[in-house]
Protein backbone atom coordinates (compact mmCIF):
# COMPACT_ATOMS: atom_id res chain seq x y z
CA MET A 1 56.79 -126.39 -141.36
CA ASP A 2 57.80 -129.19 -143.88
CA ARG A 3 61.27 -127.43 -144.02
CA GLU A 4 61.57 -127.26 -140.39
CA THR A 5 60.77 -130.96 -139.89
CA LEU A 6 62.61 -132.41 -142.78
CA SER A 7 65.95 -130.32 -141.50
CA GLU A 8 65.30 -131.82 -138.09
CA LEU A 9 64.98 -135.19 -139.39
CA LEU A 10 68.31 -134.82 -141.68
CA LEU A 11 70.22 -133.41 -138.63
CA ALA A 12 69.09 -136.47 -136.59
CA ARG A 13 70.15 -138.88 -139.28
CA LYS A 14 66.57 -140.33 -139.64
CA TYR A 15 66.94 -140.43 -143.38
CA GLN A 16 63.81 -143.03 -143.68
CA GLU A 17 61.44 -140.37 -142.28
CA ALA A 18 63.06 -137.71 -144.02
CA MET A 19 62.63 -139.77 -147.46
CA ASP A 20 59.09 -140.39 -146.51
CA LEU A 21 58.18 -136.76 -145.91
CA VAL A 22 59.69 -136.07 -149.42
CA LYS A 23 57.87 -138.51 -151.07
CA LYS A 24 54.44 -137.35 -149.23
CA ARG A 25 54.10 -134.02 -151.35
CA HIS A 26 55.98 -133.12 -154.56
CA GLY A 27 56.73 -129.91 -153.00
CA ASN A 28 58.96 -131.29 -150.40
CA LEU A 29 61.62 -132.35 -153.28
CA ARG A 30 61.93 -128.62 -153.73
CA ILE A 31 62.58 -127.83 -150.38
CA LEU A 32 65.15 -130.83 -150.22
CA LEU A 33 66.75 -129.09 -152.92
CA GLY A 34 66.66 -125.59 -151.11
CA LEU A 35 68.27 -127.37 -148.25
CA LEU A 36 71.65 -127.67 -150.28
CA TYR A 37 72.13 -124.08 -150.08
CA SER A 38 71.21 -123.62 -146.15
CA GLU A 39 73.53 -121.66 -144.26
CA GLU A 40 74.16 -124.68 -141.95
CA GLU A 41 76.93 -126.57 -143.58
CA LEU A 42 75.98 -130.05 -142.08
CA LEU A 43 72.31 -129.62 -142.92
CA ARG A 44 73.54 -129.33 -146.71
CA TRP A 45 75.62 -132.07 -146.66
CA ARG A 46 72.60 -134.24 -145.10
CA ALA A 47 70.43 -132.99 -147.91
CA VAL A 48 73.19 -134.44 -150.43
CA THR A 49 73.00 -137.84 -148.74
CA LEU A 50 69.32 -137.88 -148.58
CA LEU A 51 68.87 -136.95 -152.38
CA GLY A 52 71.32 -140.15 -152.95
CA LEU A 53 69.17 -142.32 -150.95
CA VAL A 54 66.02 -140.91 -152.82
CA ALA A 55 67.90 -141.93 -156.05
CA ALA A 56 68.79 -145.42 -154.99
CA GLU A 57 65.30 -145.79 -154.01
CA GLY A 58 64.04 -145.27 -157.60
CA SER A 59 60.33 -144.12 -157.23
CA THR A 60 61.11 -140.40 -157.81
CA ASP A 61 61.79 -138.78 -160.82
CA LEU A 62 64.75 -136.79 -160.18
CA ALA A 63 65.61 -135.57 -163.52
CA PRO A 64 64.12 -132.08 -163.49
CA ALA A 65 65.99 -131.93 -160.07
CA VAL A 66 69.40 -132.69 -161.52
CA ARG A 67 68.53 -130.07 -164.71
CA ARG A 68 68.08 -127.50 -161.78
CA LEU A 69 71.12 -128.40 -160.07
CA LEU A 70 73.15 -128.02 -163.23
CA TRP A 71 71.64 -124.55 -163.87
CA PHE A 72 72.90 -123.57 -160.40
CA LEU A 73 76.37 -124.72 -161.43
CA ASN A 74 75.88 -122.17 -164.28
CA GLU A 75 77.27 -118.78 -163.60
CA GLU A 76 74.60 -117.17 -165.43
CA SER A 77 72.40 -118.57 -162.32
CA SER A 78 74.29 -115.98 -160.05
CA THR A 79 74.34 -118.29 -157.32
CA VAL A 80 77.00 -119.37 -154.95
CA GLY A 81 76.35 -123.18 -156.21
CA TRP A 82 76.69 -124.54 -152.70
CA CYS A 83 76.41 -128.45 -152.80
CA SER A 84 75.07 -128.69 -156.45
CA ALA A 85 77.99 -130.62 -157.87
CA GLN A 86 77.94 -132.97 -154.69
CA ALA A 87 74.28 -133.74 -155.10
CA ILE A 88 74.59 -134.54 -158.68
CA ALA A 89 77.59 -136.66 -157.76
CA GLU A 90 75.53 -138.67 -155.10
CA ILE A 91 72.59 -139.06 -157.20
CA TYR A 92 74.91 -140.69 -160.17
CA ARG A 93 76.50 -142.67 -157.45
CA ASN A 94 73.48 -144.10 -156.09
CA ASN A 95 71.38 -144.52 -159.47
CA PRO A 96 73.77 -143.52 -162.68
CA GLY A 97 70.52 -143.39 -164.95
CA MET A 98 69.16 -140.27 -163.21
CA ALA A 99 72.36 -138.22 -163.72
CA ARG A 100 74.33 -139.95 -166.52
CA ASP A 101 74.01 -136.71 -168.96
CA ALA A 102 75.14 -134.38 -166.26
CA ILE A 103 77.82 -136.30 -164.24
CA ARG A 104 80.71 -135.32 -166.81
CA ALA A 105 79.87 -131.92 -166.97
CA VAL A 106 80.12 -131.66 -162.88
CA LEU A 107 83.46 -133.63 -162.73
CA HIS A 108 85.09 -131.40 -165.45
CA LEU A 109 84.40 -128.25 -164.29
CA SER A 110 87.82 -129.05 -162.56
CA ASP A 111 89.53 -128.69 -165.69
CA ASP A 112 87.44 -125.81 -166.98
CA GLU A 113 89.74 -122.66 -167.05
CA GLU A 114 86.66 -120.45 -166.51
CA VAL A 115 85.93 -122.30 -163.03
CA SER A 116 89.05 -123.30 -162.08
CA LEU A 117 91.83 -120.34 -162.36
CA PRO A 118 91.90 -118.31 -158.99
CA ALA A 119 91.00 -114.97 -160.99
CA ASN A 120 87.84 -116.58 -162.34
CA ARG A 121 86.57 -119.00 -159.85
CA ASN A 122 83.59 -119.76 -157.95
CA THR A 123 85.60 -121.52 -155.14
CA PRO A 124 82.30 -123.49 -153.81
CA ILE A 125 81.40 -124.63 -157.10
CA LEU A 126 85.10 -125.72 -157.92
CA ALA A 127 85.15 -127.62 -154.37
CA GLY A 128 82.04 -129.47 -155.02
CA SER A 129 83.66 -130.61 -158.40
CA VAL A 130 86.48 -131.91 -156.77
CA TRP A 131 84.83 -133.62 -153.86
CA ALA A 132 82.34 -135.32 -156.44
CA ILE A 133 85.75 -136.80 -158.11
CA GLY A 134 86.92 -138.26 -154.82
CA ALA A 135 82.96 -139.57 -154.07
CA LEU A 136 82.96 -141.34 -157.14
CA ALA A 137 86.64 -142.67 -157.21
CA GLU A 138 86.26 -145.75 -155.57
CA ASP A 139 83.01 -146.76 -157.33
CA GLU A 140 83.74 -145.45 -160.55
CA PRO A 141 87.42 -145.47 -161.18
CA ALA A 142 87.34 -145.16 -164.78
CA LEU A 143 84.98 -142.21 -164.85
CA VAL A 144 87.20 -140.27 -162.52
CA SER A 145 90.85 -141.15 -163.52
CA GLU A 146 91.48 -138.61 -166.31
CA MET A 147 90.61 -135.80 -163.55
CA GLY A 148 94.05 -136.89 -161.52
CA PRO A 149 96.37 -134.18 -163.43
CA ALA A 150 93.97 -131.49 -162.68
CA LEU A 151 93.99 -132.28 -159.02
CA VAL A 152 97.76 -132.63 -158.73
CA LYS A 153 97.78 -129.14 -159.94
CA PHE A 154 95.43 -128.28 -157.23
CA LEU A 155 97.62 -129.41 -154.60
CA GLU A 156 99.42 -125.94 -154.94
CA ASP A 157 96.35 -124.22 -154.79
CA PRO A 158 95.84 -120.99 -152.76
CA GLU A 159 92.58 -122.02 -151.11
CA PRO A 160 92.94 -124.57 -148.24
CA VAL A 161 89.65 -126.45 -149.33
CA ILE A 162 90.86 -126.78 -152.69
CA ARG A 163 93.96 -128.47 -151.44
CA GLY A 164 92.56 -130.68 -148.97
CA PHE A 165 89.73 -131.95 -151.19
CA SER A 166 92.09 -132.59 -154.03
CA ALA A 167 94.36 -134.44 -151.61
CA TRP A 168 91.39 -136.74 -150.37
CA ALA A 169 90.01 -137.26 -153.81
CA LEU A 170 93.83 -138.37 -155.05
CA GLY A 171 94.04 -140.79 -152.25
CA ARG A 172 90.73 -142.35 -152.94
CA MET A 173 91.89 -142.65 -156.73
CA ARG A 174 95.01 -144.30 -155.47
CA PHE A 175 96.53 -141.79 -158.00
CA ALA A 176 100.29 -142.58 -157.65
CA ALA A 177 101.51 -139.51 -159.68
CA ALA A 178 100.17 -137.37 -156.84
CA LYS A 179 103.03 -138.76 -154.36
CA GLU A 180 105.42 -135.83 -154.59
CA GLY A 181 102.67 -133.32 -154.44
CA LEU A 182 100.89 -134.98 -151.46
CA GLY A 183 104.20 -135.23 -149.76
CA LYS A 184 104.79 -131.30 -149.98
CA LEU A 185 101.65 -130.83 -147.86
CA THR A 186 102.47 -132.72 -144.86
CA GLY A 187 103.28 -129.75 -143.05
CA ASP A 188 100.25 -127.86 -144.25
CA GLU A 189 98.13 -126.98 -141.07
CA ALA A 190 95.45 -125.41 -142.66
CA VAL A 191 91.95 -126.89 -141.46
CA ILE A 192 88.95 -127.66 -143.84
CA SER A 193 85.68 -129.52 -143.22
CA LEU A 194 85.44 -132.51 -144.99
CA TYR A 195 82.01 -134.89 -145.21
CA GLU A 196 82.74 -138.49 -145.64
CA GLY A 197 80.87 -141.22 -144.00
CA ASP A 198 77.75 -139.29 -143.15
CA ALA A 199 80.03 -137.07 -140.80
CA LEU A 200 81.49 -133.62 -141.09
CA THR A 201 84.75 -133.48 -139.79
CA ASN A 202 87.41 -130.61 -139.54
CA ILE A 203 90.91 -131.83 -140.47
CA SER A 204 94.17 -130.56 -141.57
CA VAL A 205 95.33 -130.40 -145.11
CA ALA A 206 98.33 -132.07 -143.90
CA ARG A 207 95.94 -135.30 -142.70
CA ALA A 208 94.31 -135.25 -145.87
CA ALA A 209 97.57 -135.38 -147.79
CA GLY A 210 98.91 -138.04 -145.16
CA ASP A 211 95.67 -140.38 -145.41
CA ALA A 212 96.18 -140.04 -149.06
CA LEU A 213 99.80 -140.93 -149.15
CA GLU A 214 98.71 -144.17 -147.03
CA LYS A 215 96.11 -145.28 -149.39
CA ILE A 216 98.39 -145.02 -152.22
CA ARG A 217 101.21 -146.77 -150.50
CA LYS A 218 98.97 -149.61 -149.61
CA ASN A 219 97.62 -149.68 -153.05
CA ASP A 220 101.52 -150.22 -154.52
CA GLU A 221 102.26 -152.85 -152.08
């Protein structure tokens, strides 16, 4: 029943009630972590948001949860890894001390050949790492700046979600060296789902690239 109730609260954006439910019983934190791997995409993302809010509130020890999420990013776990990287990034963004040791591992999945090369990759895990870079770009620019060159290479990736997330992240980084690569995507009409500002939106890769170029242009002025 708690899983059903928590899911309904998240989809209704009733985050305070959802947080109260998670804090009410320790087992509900495990339920929340399980929602990161729900087949319903919006529910997965809302679970990411709630974990960030729980981290910001500060009274719940999320260290065991972060360790579990890192395990799910390990190929030995044999999982798809949906939203593990995103959850760690959101926990870190809201309370750095709770994920300080984990965040660099998450970000550097993007330049790990075992994860990033098309022949080897787990695409959801790689996409999560790229999204994490973008999510932290404005609050933690020094932390993510070194990932710029790897993301520029991903602008030519065969997977639309990797191209689109990379374009979005590079725009948030205001990474000027990406302008040429982004310009090549302005006719790319492949559609991706992007979670930003508590909403899941379908946008084209071209739109993500155009928005990124505009952010970089404004930053250069």
